[in-house]
Amino acid sequence: MRLLQDTLASTKAEVAPLPLPVPQPETASTPAQTPKCTPAPTPLSAPPAVQTPASTVRDTGSTLLIQQTPEVIRIQPEKKPGTPPPALAPAPSLPIPRPPSPPPAKVVATPPPSSINIPRFYFPKGLPNCAPNYDEAIAKIEAAFTEFEEEKADIYEMGKIAKACGCPLYWKAPMFICAGGERTGFVSVHSFIATWRKLLHSCYDDASKFVYLLAKPGCNYLEQEDFIPLLQDIVDTHPGLTFLKDAPEFHSRYITTVIQRIFYTVNRSWTGKINMTELRRSNFLQTLALLEEEDDINQITDYFSYEHFYVIYCKFWELDTDHDLFIDPKDLARYNDHASSSRIIERLFSGAVTRGNSVQREGRMSYAEFVWFLISEEDKKNPTSIEFWFRCMDMDGDGVLSMFELEFFYEEQCERMEGMGIEPLPFQDLLCQMLDLVKPECPGKITLRDLKRCRMAHIFYDTFFNLEKYLDHEQRDPFADLDSDGPEPSDWDKYAAEEYEILVAEETANEQLREGSLHCIEMRYHLYMEYKV
């Protein structure tokens, strides 16, 4: 008994700091084992156990009572008043019978869907022929080469080869160069057939063939310099340009003008590279084919007209006072008697309308860039012209003309009208007019799409940066031009025709003046000689 008390005393020191154990079911242990402190509630119906002297183990907040029997040592927590007895475990409930489940449905295994054979619908180089007859085409080419000595053709004889290939006459220079004739000065039948056979197996329409012949190796687009051999051949051989043979210094000017007009119309992506899709959508190849049918090149107003070149070059020559083929903002401001505002001229020289990766010379405009300006200025209905001037007015490049940008350009117009003694329309009133004219999809914001859709872009642009044309629009009905039926010449064609007549008349008058002056000098000389005699 003394041993038990000592043991319990030592147990007190170990148990005291631990939290109260969770009640567990009653367990028995042999006297030789260390007693476990496993409290368990005594059932109410159980007879009281025989108690022996026990030690009381005190802990903060509770008292442990130890009861000792010959076989079992129980440690029981003291019951606090008001503590409910543990609830009896509920009787197990009988399982609720469930209705029998239906038999599983039979799963029918369906085979995976067979792959759908979608026919090819994208042909970047044209739709291939179902049954191409390459041998017949090659036979025609071989027969054409038999007419030449040693079956070799120079660039002037390549016209017959081009027709044998079923191509327009003025494809002859690109064919000649593509077959290696530029290196040797002639093309043999074997080298040309090898080139043409390769072309037939990869290109199936005129656009892809034309790009193949003109483009650099490995390129599927055309750049400006790729057109030079083609146009030089036209200058050298077309009947309508024979007078240029005596003026070779104008060859490069004419070629530059035609190239810029081609890219102005065809290169709708503003990349500086004409691809096959753009070539198909344009009328360039059809216009090129017309050159062999029309001897008067001025009848072909698209791209190649010499009269149009004459007008453009004369207008540039008048502004380029030092004749270095560059003009500055002051030179350009003199165009059309200072009709354009200084703010729009600043935007032109800022590089806002530079195409491709070319870098505009700071503060200078080249002749090629002037071609773009002049066509855009005189034909603001053209889609490229609408894009050209939209880029100039969109100062922050967000694709939207804000009210701030419109007011910025209109301020100078108001100042110029006040200087002329004309009372300008307040900006708020003018803004209402322009919004009614354009009818933008998003209120208060004018986009490029809005200007193209309204068909009034020329009036809109002239209002903000061309005072002379703005005042002219104010004097007539803006919708008068829309009522005309049938196709009409473009504004550029009308302008070029009128200006050419004026320039020719001025040149004739100057020649007559020079001839008259020379005649007067001769008369004075004869009178002087007679008087001297």
Protein backbone atom coordinates (compact mmCIF):
# COMPACT_ATOMS: atom_id res chain seq x y z
CA MET A 1 0.00 0.00 0.00
CA ARG A 2 2.85 2.30 0.83
CA LEU A 3 4.39 1.47 -2.48
CA LEU A 4 1.14 2.41 -4.24
CA GLN A 5 1.02 5.79 -2.54
CA ASP A 6 4.60 6.52 -3.56
CA THR A 7 3.77 5.55 -7.09
CA LEU A 8 0.72 7.79 -7.13
CA ALA A 9 2.75 10.64 -5.71
CA SER A 10 5.22 10.34 -8.53
CA THR A 11 2.36 10.09 -10.99
CA LYS A 12 0.92 13.33 -9.62
CA ALA A 13 4.04 15.21 -10.63
CA GLU A 14 3.81 13.79 -14.16
CA VAL A 15 0.05 14.14 -14.68
CA ALA A 16 -0.45 17.58 -13.23
CA PRO A 17 0.66 19.75 -16.16
CA LEU A 18 -1.19 17.68 -18.83
CA PRO A 19 -4.74 18.54 -19.93
CA LEU A 20 -7.62 16.34 -18.92
CA PRO A 21 -7.74 13.13 -20.94
CA VAL A 22 -10.76 12.36 -23.06
CA PRO A 23 -12.97 9.70 -21.41
CA GLN A 24 -12.28 6.27 -22.90
CA PRO A 25 -13.97 2.88 -22.40
CA GLU A 26 -12.99 0.88 -19.32
CA THR A 27 -9.83 -1.19 -19.68
CA ALA A 28 -8.15 -3.67 -17.35
CA SER A 29 -4.47 -4.07 -16.57
CA THR A 30 -2.43 -6.46 -14.48
CA PRO A 31 -0.89 -5.27 -11.16
CA ALA A 32 2.57 -5.58 -12.59
CA GLN A 33 1.88 -2.96 -15.28
CA THR A 34 2.01 0.78 -14.77
CA PRO A 35 -1.54 1.98 -14.24
CA LYS A 36 -2.99 4.03 -17.12
CA CYS A 37 -4.93 7.21 -16.34
CA THR A 38 -7.96 6.28 -18.38
CA PRO A 39 -11.06 7.83 -16.86
CA ALA A 40 -14.35 6.20 -17.65
CA PRO A 41 -17.80 7.04 -16.30
CA THR A 42 -19.35 4.40 -14.04
CA PRO A 43 -22.73 3.15 -15.24
CA LEU A 44 -25.58 4.20 -12.98
CA SER A 45 -26.87 0.69 -12.61
CA ALA A 46 -23.51 -0.80 -11.65
CA PRO A 47 -22.96 -1.70 -7.93
CA PRO A 48 -20.50 0.44 -6.05
CA ALA A 49 -16.99 -0.87 -6.22
CA VAL A 50 -15.00 -1.76 -3.14
CA GLN A 51 -12.86 1.22 -2.37
CA THR A 52 -9.49 1.25 -0.75
CA PRO A 53 -7.61 4.20 0.63
CA ALA A 54 -6.80 6.37 -2.32
CA SER A 55 -4.77 9.42 -3.02
CA THR A 56 -6.36 12.52 -4.43
CA VAL A 57 -4.56 14.07 -7.38
CA ARG A 58 -5.34 17.76 -7.66
CA ASP A 59 -5.04 19.77 -10.85
CA THR A 60 -6.01 23.32 -11.66
CA GLY A 61 -9.72 23.24 -12.25
CA SER A 62 -10.49 19.50 -11.53
CA THR A 63 -10.03 16.66 -8.98
CA LEU A 64 -9.18 13.07 -9.80
CA LEU A 65 -10.55 10.30 -7.57
CA ILE A 66 -8.67 7.03 -7.53
CA GLN A 67 -10.51 3.85 -6.62
CA GLN A 68 -8.54 0.70 -6.04
CA THR A 69 -9.76 -2.90 -6.22
CA PRO A 70 -7.73 -6.05 -6.01
CA GLU A 71 -7.75 -6.33 -9.81
CA VAL A 72 -8.61 -2.93 -11.39
CA ILE A 73 -7.48 0.63 -10.74
CA ARG A 74 -9.95 3.18 -12.06
CA ILE A 75 -9.34 6.89 -12.37
CA GLN A 76 -12.64 8.72 -12.54
CA PRO A 77 -13.12 12.50 -12.94
CA GLU A 78 -15.23 14.10 -10.28
CA LYS A 79 -18.73 14.83 -11.47
CA LYS A 80 -19.70 18.45 -11.41
CA PRO A 81 -23.17 19.40 -10.43
CA GLY A 82 -25.39 19.99 -13.40
CA THR A 83 -23.27 17.93 -15.77
CA PRO A 84 -25.60 15.71 -17.78
CA PRO A 85 -24.75 12.06 -18.05
CA PRO A 86 -23.44 10.82 -21.33
CA ALA A 87 -26.13 10.06 -23.81
CA LEU A 88 -26.83 6.49 -24.65
CA ALA A 89 -25.97 5.40 -28.12
CA PRO A 90 -29.07 5.37 -30.32
CA ALA A 91 -30.44 2.05 -31.31
CA PRO A 92 -29.44 1.03 -34.77
CA SER A 93 -32.15 1.86 -37.26
CA LEU A 94 -33.33 -0.68 -39.74
CA PRO A 95 -32.30 -0.03 -43.36
CA ILE A 96 -35.02 1.49 -45.52
CA PRO A 97 -35.72 -0.81 -48.40
CA ARG A 98 -35.04 0.82 -51.79
CA PRO A 99 -36.92 -0.02 -54.94
CA PRO A 100 -35.10 -2.33 -57.27
CA SER A 101 -32.91 -0.47 -59.74
CA PRO A 102 -33.76 -0.83 -63.41
CA PRO A 103 -31.52 -3.01 -65.49
CA PRO A 104 -28.59 -1.11 -67.04
CA ALA A 105 -29.18 0.13 -70.53
CA LYS A 106 -27.25 -1.53 -73.24
CA VAL A 107 -24.41 0.72 -74.48
CA VAL A 108 -24.00 0.46 -78.20
CA ALA A 109 -20.42 1.19 -79.19
CA THR A 110 -20.43 3.59 -82.16
CA PRO A 111 -17.35 3.78 -84.34
CA PRO A 112 -15.51 7.14 -84.40
CA PRO A 113 -16.62 9.46 -87.21
CA SER A 114 -14.60 9.11 -90.33
CA SER A 115 -12.37 12.08 -91.22
CA ILE A 116 -14.13 14.66 -93.38
CA ASN A 117 -12.29 15.35 -96.60
CA ILE A 118 -12.42 19.14 -97.01
CA PRO A 119 -11.24 20.13 -100.46
CA ARG A 120 -8.47 22.69 -100.68
CA PHE A 121 -9.82 26.18 -101.08
CA TYR A 122 -6.75 28.45 -100.81
CA PHE A 123 -4.49 28.73 -103.82
CA PRO A 124 -2.03 31.62 -103.35
CA LYS A 125 -0.52 31.05 -106.79
CA GLY A 126 -3.75 30.46 -108.66
CA LEU A 127 -6.03 27.50 -109.22
CA PRO A 128 -4.15 24.64 -110.93
CA ASN A 129 -5.50 23.33 -114.21
CA CYS A 130 -7.20 19.95 -114.07
CA ALA A 131 -5.32 18.59 -117.07
CA PRO A 132 -2.42 20.90 -117.91
CA ASN A 133 -0.89 20.38 -121.32
CA TYR A 134 2.66 21.55 -120.74
CA ASP A 135 4.08 19.73 -123.75
CA GLU A 136 1.91 21.71 -126.14
CA ALA A 137 2.99 25.01 -124.56
CA ILE A 138 6.66 24.03 -124.75
CA ALA A 139 6.26 23.01 -128.38
CA LYS A 140 4.95 26.49 -129.27
CA ILE A 141 7.94 28.09 -127.59
CA GLU A 142 10.40 25.84 -129.42
CA ALA A 143 8.74 26.68 -132.71
CA ALA A 144 9.05 30.41 -131.97
CA PHE A 145 12.77 30.09 -131.23
CA THR A 146 13.43 28.37 -134.56
CA GLU A 147 12.86 31.71 -136.30
CA PHE A 148 15.97 33.19 -134.68
CA GLU A 149 19.58 32.58 -135.53
CA GLU A 150 21.06 29.79 -133.41
CA GLU A 151 17.72 29.70 -131.59
CA LYS A 152 18.74 32.67 -129.48
CA ALA A 153 16.66 35.79 -128.87
CA ASP A 154 17.62 39.25 -127.66
CA ILE A 155 15.34 41.53 -125.66
CA TYR A 156 13.68 43.00 -128.77
CA GLU A 157 12.93 39.56 -130.21
CA MET A 158 11.46 38.36 -126.93
CA GLY A 159 8.13 39.88 -127.92
CA LYS A 160 7.43 36.88 -130.17
CA ILE A 161 8.37 34.52 -127.36
CA ALA A 162 6.03 36.33 -124.98
CA LYS A 163 3.13 35.94 -127.40
CA ALA A 164 4.01 32.26 -127.92
CA CYS A 165 3.72 31.84 -124.14
CA GLY A 166 0.28 33.44 -124.19
CA CYS A 167 1.45 36.55 -122.32
CA PRO A 168 1.12 40.28 -123.12
CA LEU A 169 3.78 41.82 -125.31
CA TYR A 170 5.40 43.94 -122.61
CA TRP A 171 6.16 40.94 -120.43
CA LYS A 172 9.14 40.40 -122.72
CA ALA A 173 11.68 42.30 -120.61
CA PRO A 174 10.86 40.44 -117.36
CA MET A 175 11.01 37.14 -119.27
CA PHE A 176 14.35 38.06 -120.78
CA ILE A 177 15.89 38.95 -117.41
CA CYS A 178 14.39 35.98 -115.55
CA ALA A 179 15.91 33.57 -118.09
CA GLY A 180 19.38 35.08 -117.61
CA GLY A 181 19.50 37.24 -120.71
CA GLU A 182 20.76 40.30 -118.86
CA ARG A 183 24.12 38.61 -118.26
CA THR A 184 24.74 37.34 -121.78
CA GLY A 185 22.65 39.69 -123.92
CA PHE A 186 20.52 36.87 -125.33
CA VAL A 187 18.39 33.92 -124.21
CA SER A 188 18.79 30.44 -125.69
CA VAL A 189 15.89 28.11 -126.25
CA HIS A 190 17.12 25.64 -123.65
CA SER A 191 17.57 28.18 -120.85
CA PHE A 192 14.19 29.77 -121.50
CA ILE A 193 12.32 26.46 -121.67
CA ALA A 194 13.90 25.38 -118.38
CA THR A 195 12.78 28.65 -116.78
CA TRP A 196 9.29 28.51 -118.27
CA ARG A 197 8.73 24.87 -117.38
CA LYS A 198 9.60 25.64 -113.75
CA LEU A 199 7.18 28.56 -113.80
CA LEU A 200 4.34 26.46 -115.22
CA HIS A 201 4.68 23.90 -112.44
CA SER A 202 4.40 26.50 -109.66
CA CYS A 203 2.33 29.43 -110.98
CA TYR A 204 -1.18 29.06 -112.37
CA ASP A 205 -2.50 32.57 -113.05
CA ASP A 206 -1.21 35.83 -114.49
CA ALA A 207 -0.60 37.50 -111.13
CA SER A 208 1.60 34.72 -109.79
CA LYS A 209 3.49 34.44 -113.10
CA PHE A 210 4.10 38.19 -113.20
CA VAL A 211 5.45 38.24 -109.65
CA TYR A 212 7.63 35.21 -110.39
CA LEU A 213 9.18 36.97 -113.40
CA LEU A 214 9.80 40.36 -111.76
CA ALA A 215 10.51 39.57 -108.11
CA LYS A 216 13.89 38.86 -106.61
CA PRO A 217 14.72 35.16 -106.10
CA GLY A 218 12.83 33.75 -103.15
CA CYS A 219 10.42 36.71 -102.87
CA ASN A 220 6.68 36.53 -103.44
CA TYR A 221 6.17 40.30 -103.62
CA LEU A 222 7.28 43.21 -105.77
CA GLU A 223 9.21 46.27 -104.63
CA GLN A 224 9.63 49.55 -106.48
CA GLU A 225 12.98 48.74 -108.08
CA ASP A 226 11.56 45.50 -109.53
CA PHE A 227 9.49 47.53 -112.03
CA ILE A 228 12.42 49.45 -113.53
CA PRO A 229 13.37 46.94 -116.31
CA LEU A 230 9.73 46.60 -117.35
CA LEU A 231 9.18 50.35 -117.57
CA GLN A 232 12.51 51.05 -119.24
CA ASP A 233 11.52 48.62 -122.00
CA ILE A 234 8.20 50.45 -122.41
CA VAL A 235 10.02 53.78 -122.70
CA ASP A 236 12.39 52.32 -125.31
CA THR A 237 9.86 50.49 -127.48
CA HIS A 238 6.35 51.94 -127.13
CA PRO A 239 5.29 54.02 -130.17
CA GLY A 240 3.73 56.70 -127.97
CA LEU A 241 7.05 57.46 -126.27
CA THR A 242 9.43 57.60 -129.22
CA PHE A 243 10.01 61.34 -128.67
CA LEU A 244 11.68 60.48 -125.34
CA LYS A 245 14.58 58.82 -127.14
CA ASP A 246 16.06 62.28 -127.68
CA ALA A 247 15.62 63.20 -124.00
CA PRO A 248 17.17 60.40 -121.94
CA GLU A 249 17.35 62.67 -118.87
CA PHE A 250 13.57 62.38 -118.58
CA HIS A 251 13.51 58.57 -118.67
CA SER A 252 14.13 58.20 -114.96
CA ARG A 253 11.57 60.93 -114.13
CA TYR A 254 8.88 59.20 -116.15
CA ILE A 255 9.72 55.78 -114.69
CA THR A 256 9.65 57.18 -111.14
CA THR A 257 6.25 58.75 -111.78
CA VAL A 258 4.75 55.53 -113.13
CA ILE A 259 6.15 53.45 -110.25
CA GLN A 260 4.67 55.83 -107.67
CA ARG A 261 1.30 55.74 -109.41
CA ILE A 262 1.39 51.94 -109.45
CA PHE A 263 2.07 51.73 -105.73
CA TYR A 264 -0.42 54.51 -104.98
CA THR A 265 -3.21 52.48 -106.57
CA VAL A 266 -2.20 48.84 -106.12
CA ASN A 267 -0.39 48.65 -102.77
CA ARG A 268 -3.46 49.00 -100.55
CA SER A 269 -1.64 47.57 -97.52
CA TRP A 270 0.78 50.55 -97.30
CA THR A 271 3.71 48.15 -96.93
CA GLY A 272 5.75 49.18 -99.96
CA LYS A 273 5.45 45.58 -101.22
CA ILE A 274 2.87 44.49 -103.78
CA ASN A 275 1.75 40.90 -103.24
CA MET A 276 -0.20 38.62 -105.55
CA THR A 277 -3.54 39.32 -103.90
CA GLU A 278 -3.18 43.08 -104.36
CA LEU A 279 -2.15 42.55 -107.96
CA ARG A 280 -5.25 40.43 -108.65
CA ARG A 281 -7.56 43.02 -107.10
CA SER A 282 -6.11 45.85 -109.18
CA ASN A 283 -6.41 46.64 -112.88
CA PHE A 284 -2.66 46.91 -113.45
CA LEU A 285 -2.16 43.73 -115.48
CA GLN A 286 -5.16 44.55 -117.66
CA THR A 287 -3.85 48.07 -118.22
CA LEU A 288 -0.38 46.73 -119.05
CA ALA A 289 -1.92 44.46 -121.68
CA LEU A 290 -3.63 47.47 -123.31
CA LEU A 291 -0.28 49.07 -124.16
CA GLU A 292 0.25 46.80 -127.17
CA GLU A 293 -3.18 47.71 -128.54
CA GLU A 294 -3.03 51.51 -128.06
CA ASP A 295 -0.32 53.53 -129.77
CA ASP A 296 -1.36 56.78 -128.08
CA ILE A 297 -0.16 56.23 -124.54
CA ASN A 298 -2.07 59.29 -123.33
CA GLN A 299 -5.31 57.41 -123.91
CA ILE A 300 -4.31 55.07 -121.08
CA THR A 301 -4.79 57.47 -118.19
CA ASP A 302 -4.09 54.83 -115.53
CA TYR A 303 -0.40 54.67 -114.62
CA PHE A 304 1.25 55.31 -118.02
CA SER A 305 -0.09 58.61 -119.40
CA TYR A 306 2.70 60.94 -120.45
CA GLU A 307 0.42 63.95 -120.11
CA HIS A 308 -0.13 63.12 -116.46
CA PHE A 309 3.61 62.80 -115.97
CA TYR A 310 4.10 66.16 -117.67
CA VAL A 311 1.64 67.87 -115.31
CA ILE A 312 3.18 66.34 -112.18
CA TYR A 313 6.75 67.12 -113.17
CA CYS A 314 5.97 70.70 -114.21
CA LYS A 315 4.20 71.38 -110.90
CA PHE A 316 7.20 70.04 -109.01
CA TRP A 317 9.65 71.99 -111.16
CA GLU A 318 7.82 75.24 -110.37
CA LEU A 319 8.22 74.65 -106.62
CA ASP A 320 11.79 73.30 -106.76
CA THR A 321 13.53 76.62 -107.29
CA ASP A 322 17.06 75.24 -106.86
CA HIS A 323 16.22 72.17 -109.00
CA ASP A 324 17.86 69.62 -106.71
CA LEU A 325 14.74 67.40 -106.90
CA PHE A 326 13.84 68.17 -103.28
CA ILE A 327 11.47 70.76 -101.84
CA ASP A 328 11.10 72.09 -98.30
CA PRO A 329 7.95 73.25 -96.42
CA LYS A 330 8.30 76.80 -97.75
CA ASP A 331 8.42 75.51 -101.31
CA LEU A 332 5.38 73.30 -100.82
CA ALA A 333 3.43 76.12 -99.17
CA ARG A 334 3.56 78.01 -102.48
CA TYR A 335 1.58 75.29 -104.23
CA ASN A 336 -1.78 76.55 -105.51
CA ASP A 337 -1.11 80.04 -104.12
CA HIS A 338 -0.77 78.98 -100.45
CA ALA A 339 -4.10 77.16 -100.42
CA SER A 340 -3.00 74.53 -97.88
CA SER A 341 -2.61 75.43 -94.21
CA SER A 342 0.80 75.50 -92.57
CA ARG A 343 -0.32 72.94 -89.97
CA ILE A 344 -1.15 70.30 -92.56
CA ILE A 345 2.16 71.01 -94.32
CA GLU A 346 3.98 70.39 -91.05
CA ARG A 347 2.23 67.04 -90.78
CA LEU A 348 3.27 66.16 -94.34
CA PHE A 349 6.93 66.70 -93.47
CA SER A 350 6.63 64.84 -90.15
CA GLY A 351 6.67 61.42 -91.83
CA ALA A 352 3.01 60.70 -91.11
CA VAL A 353 2.45 59.36 -94.63
CA THR A 354 5.74 57.52 -95.16
CA ARG A 355 5.17 54.06 -96.65
CA GLY A 356 7.04 50.91 -95.76
CA ASN A 357 10.36 51.13 -93.91
CA SER A 358 11.76 54.08 -95.83
CA VAL A 359 12.86 57.05 -93.76
CA GLN A 360 11.79 60.47 -94.94
CA ARG A 361 14.53 63.05 -95.20
CA GLU A 362 14.08 65.55 -92.41
CA GLY A 363 12.50 68.72 -93.73
CA ARG A 364 12.68 67.66 -97.40
CA MET A 365 10.22 66.09 -99.81
CA SER A 366 11.46 64.11 -102.81
CA TYR A 367 9.87 64.04 -106.22
CA ALA A 368 8.45 60.56 -105.55
CA GLU A 369 6.75 61.81 -102.38
CA PHE A 370 5.43 64.84 -104.24
CA VAL A 371 3.63 62.51 -106.67
CA TRP A 372 1.68 61.11 -103.73
CA PHE A 373 0.92 64.58 -102.38
CA LEU A 374 -0.32 65.98 -105.68
CA ILE A 375 -2.65 63.08 -106.51
CA SER A 376 -4.01 63.09 -102.95
CA GLU A 377 -4.51 66.85 -102.96
CA GLU A 378 -6.39 66.94 -106.25
CA ASP A 379 -8.49 63.79 -105.79
CA LYS A 380 -9.66 63.46 -102.19
CA LYS A 381 -12.33 60.94 -103.21
CA ASN A 382 -9.73 58.28 -103.96
CA PRO A 383 -9.49 55.58 -101.23
CA THR A 384 -5.72 56.03 -100.96
CA SER A 385 -6.17 59.80 -100.71
CA ILE A 386 -8.69 59.38 -97.88
CA GLU A 387 -6.16 57.24 -96.01
CA PHE A 388 -3.36 59.69 -96.84
CA TRP A 389 -5.08 62.72 -95.28
CA PHE A 390 -6.50 60.73 -92.37
CA ARG A 391 -2.95 59.86 -91.33
CA CYS A 392 -2.03 63.53 -91.47
CA MET A 393 -4.94 64.66 -89.29
CA ASP A 394 -4.66 61.78 -86.80
CA MET A 395 -1.85 63.40 -84.82
CA ASP A 396 -1.77 60.87 -81.97
CA GLY A 397 -2.10 57.85 -84.27
CA ASP A 398 -5.01 56.27 -82.38
CA GLY A 399 -7.10 55.69 -85.50
CA VAL A 400 -9.71 58.27 -84.48
CA LEU A 401 -10.10 61.97 -85.28
CA SER A 402 -10.98 63.57 -81.97
CA MET A 403 -12.69 66.92 -81.49
CA PHE A 404 -9.38 68.34 -80.25
CA GLU A 405 -7.64 67.41 -83.52
CA LEU A 406 -10.44 68.91 -85.61
CA GLU A 407 -10.34 72.14 -83.62
CA PHE A 408 -6.54 72.27 -83.95
CA PHE A 409 -6.72 72.34 -87.77
CA TYR A 410 -9.79 74.59 -87.93
CA GLU A 411 -8.17 77.30 -85.80
CA GLU A 412 -5.81 78.24 -88.61
CA GLN A 413 -8.65 78.28 -91.11
CA CYS A 414 -10.47 80.78 -88.89
CA GLU A 415 -7.40 82.98 -88.63
CA ARG A 416 -6.95 83.02 -92.39
CA MET A 417 -10.62 83.83 -93.01
CA GLU A 418 -10.51 86.69 -90.52
CA GLY A 419 -7.46 88.02 -92.33
CA MET A 420 -9.48 88.01 -95.56
CA GLY A 421 -12.38 89.82 -93.89
CA ILE A 422 -14.60 86.73 -93.81
CA GLU A 423 -16.44 85.92 -90.61
CA PRO A 424 -15.71 82.27 -89.81
CA LEU A 425 -18.30 79.86 -88.54
CA PRO A 426 -17.87 79.08 -84.82
CA PHE A 427 -16.25 75.73 -84.24
CA GLN A 428 -19.25 74.30 -82.36
CA ASP A 429 -21.54 75.07 -85.30
CA LEU A 430 -19.03 73.74 -87.80
CA LEU A 431 -18.60 70.59 -85.73
CA CYS A 432 -22.34 69.93 -85.87
CA GLN A 433 -22.23 70.32 -89.66
CA MET A 434 -19.33 67.90 -90.01
CA LEU A 435 -20.93 65.30 -87.74
CA ASP A 436 -24.14 65.53 -89.77
CA LEU A 437 -22.08 65.18 -92.95
CA VAL A 438 -20.05 62.16 -91.84
CA LYS A 439 -22.56 60.51 -89.46
CA PRO A 440 -19.94 58.59 -87.43
CA GLU A 441 -20.89 55.27 -85.88
CA CYS A 442 -19.45 56.31 -82.50
CA PRO A 443 -20.69 59.78 -81.46
CA GLY A 444 -17.91 62.30 -81.15
CA LYS A 445 -15.28 60.13 -82.88
CA ILE A 446 -14.62 60.04 -86.63
CA THR A 447 -12.87 56.98 -88.00
CA LEU A 448 -11.42 56.16 -91.40
CA ARG A 449 -14.33 53.83 -92.02
CA ASP A 450 -16.79 56.66 -91.39
CA LEU A 451 -15.10 58.90 -93.95
CA LYS A 452 -15.02 56.20 -96.62
CA ARG A 453 -18.64 55.31 -96.05
CA CYS A 454 -20.06 58.84 -96.15
CA ARG A 455 -18.60 59.66 -99.62
CA MET A 456 -18.02 63.23 -98.46
CA ALA A 457 -14.40 62.95 -97.38
CA HIS A 458 -13.25 65.59 -99.89
CA ILE A 459 -15.53 68.22 -98.34
CA PHE A 460 -14.53 67.17 -94.84
CA TYR A 461 -10.79 67.46 -95.52
CA ASP A 462 -10.98 70.74 -97.44
CA THR A 463 -12.90 72.28 -94.54
CA PHE A 464 -9.98 71.80 -92.19
CA PHE A 465 -6.88 72.53 -94.27
CA ASN A 466 -7.61 73.87 -97.79
CA LEU A 467 -9.21 77.29 -97.58
CA GLU A 468 -9.69 77.88 -101.30
CA LYS A 469 -11.56 74.62 -101.87
CA TYR A 470 -13.50 75.05 -98.60
CA LEU A 471 -14.87 78.40 -99.75
CA ASP A 472 -15.67 76.85 -103.13
CA HIS A 473 -17.67 74.05 -101.47
CA GLU A 474 -19.63 76.66 -99.50
CA GLN A 475 -20.92 78.15 -102.76
CA ARG A 476 -22.46 74.98 -104.19
CA ASP A 477 -24.50 71.94 -103.25
CA PRO A 478 -22.25 69.26 -101.72
CA PHE A 479 -24.61 66.49 -102.88
CA ALA A 480 -24.69 67.59 -106.53
CA ASP A 481 -21.87 65.25 -107.57
CA LEU A 482 -23.61 62.23 -106.05
CA ASP A 483 -26.63 62.55 -108.34
CA SER A 484 -24.72 61.95 -111.57
CA ASP A 485 -25.43 58.73 -113.42
CA GLY A 486 -22.87 56.56 -115.13
CA PRO A 487 -19.09 56.45 -114.75
CA GLU A 488 -17.24 59.74 -114.84
CA PRO A 489 -13.56 60.62 -114.97
CA SER A 490 -11.94 60.85 -111.58
CA ASP A 491 -11.08 64.21 -110.07
CA TRP A 492 -7.45 63.50 -110.82
CA ASP A 493 -8.15 62.82 -114.51
CA LYS A 494 -10.12 66.07 -114.75
CA TYR A 495 -7.38 68.05 -113.04
CA ALA A 496 -4.60 66.55 -115.17
CA ALA A 497 -6.48 67.23 -118.42
CA GLU A 498 -7.20 70.86 -117.49
CA GLU A 499 -3.69 71.56 -116.27
CA TYR A 500 -2.12 69.98 -119.33
CA GLU A 501 -4.10 72.30 -121.61
CA ILE A 502 -3.02 75.29 -119.54
CA LEU A 503 0.64 74.25 -119.55
CA VAL A 504 0.65 73.61 -123.29
CA ALA A 505 -0.97 76.99 -123.93
CA GLU A 506 1.63 78.72 -121.76
CA GLU A 507 4.45 76.88 -123.49
CA THR A 508 3.09 77.85 -126.90
CA ALA A 509 2.82 81.48 -125.84
CA ASN A 510 6.37 81.43 -124.53
CA GLU A 511 7.66 79.95 -127.77
CA GLN A 512 5.84 82.60 -129.77
CA LEU A 513 7.27 85.23 -127.48
CA ARG A 514 10.76 83.85 -127.97
CA GLU A 515 10.26 83.66 -131.71
CA GLY A 516 8.90 87.20 -131.74
CA SER A 517 11.82 88.44 -129.69
CA LEU A 518 14.23 86.71 -132.03
CA HIS A 519 12.45 88.22 -135.02
CA CYS A 520 12.70 91.70 -133.49
CA ILE A 521 16.40 91.19 -132.84
CA GLU A 522 16.93 90.12 -136.45
CA MET A 523 14.99 93.14 -137.74
CA ARG A 524 17.00 95.50 -135.58
CA TYR A 525 20.20 93.90 -136.82
CA HIS A 526 19.21 94.36 -140.46
CA LEU A 527 18.17 97.97 -139.85
CA TYR A 528 21.45 98.60 -138.10
CA MET A 529 23.42 97.12 -140.97
CA GLU A 530 21.46 99.13 -143.55
CA TYR A 531 21.93 102.31 -141.57
CA LYS A 532 25.63 101.59 -141.20
CA VAL A 533 25.98 101.07 -144.90
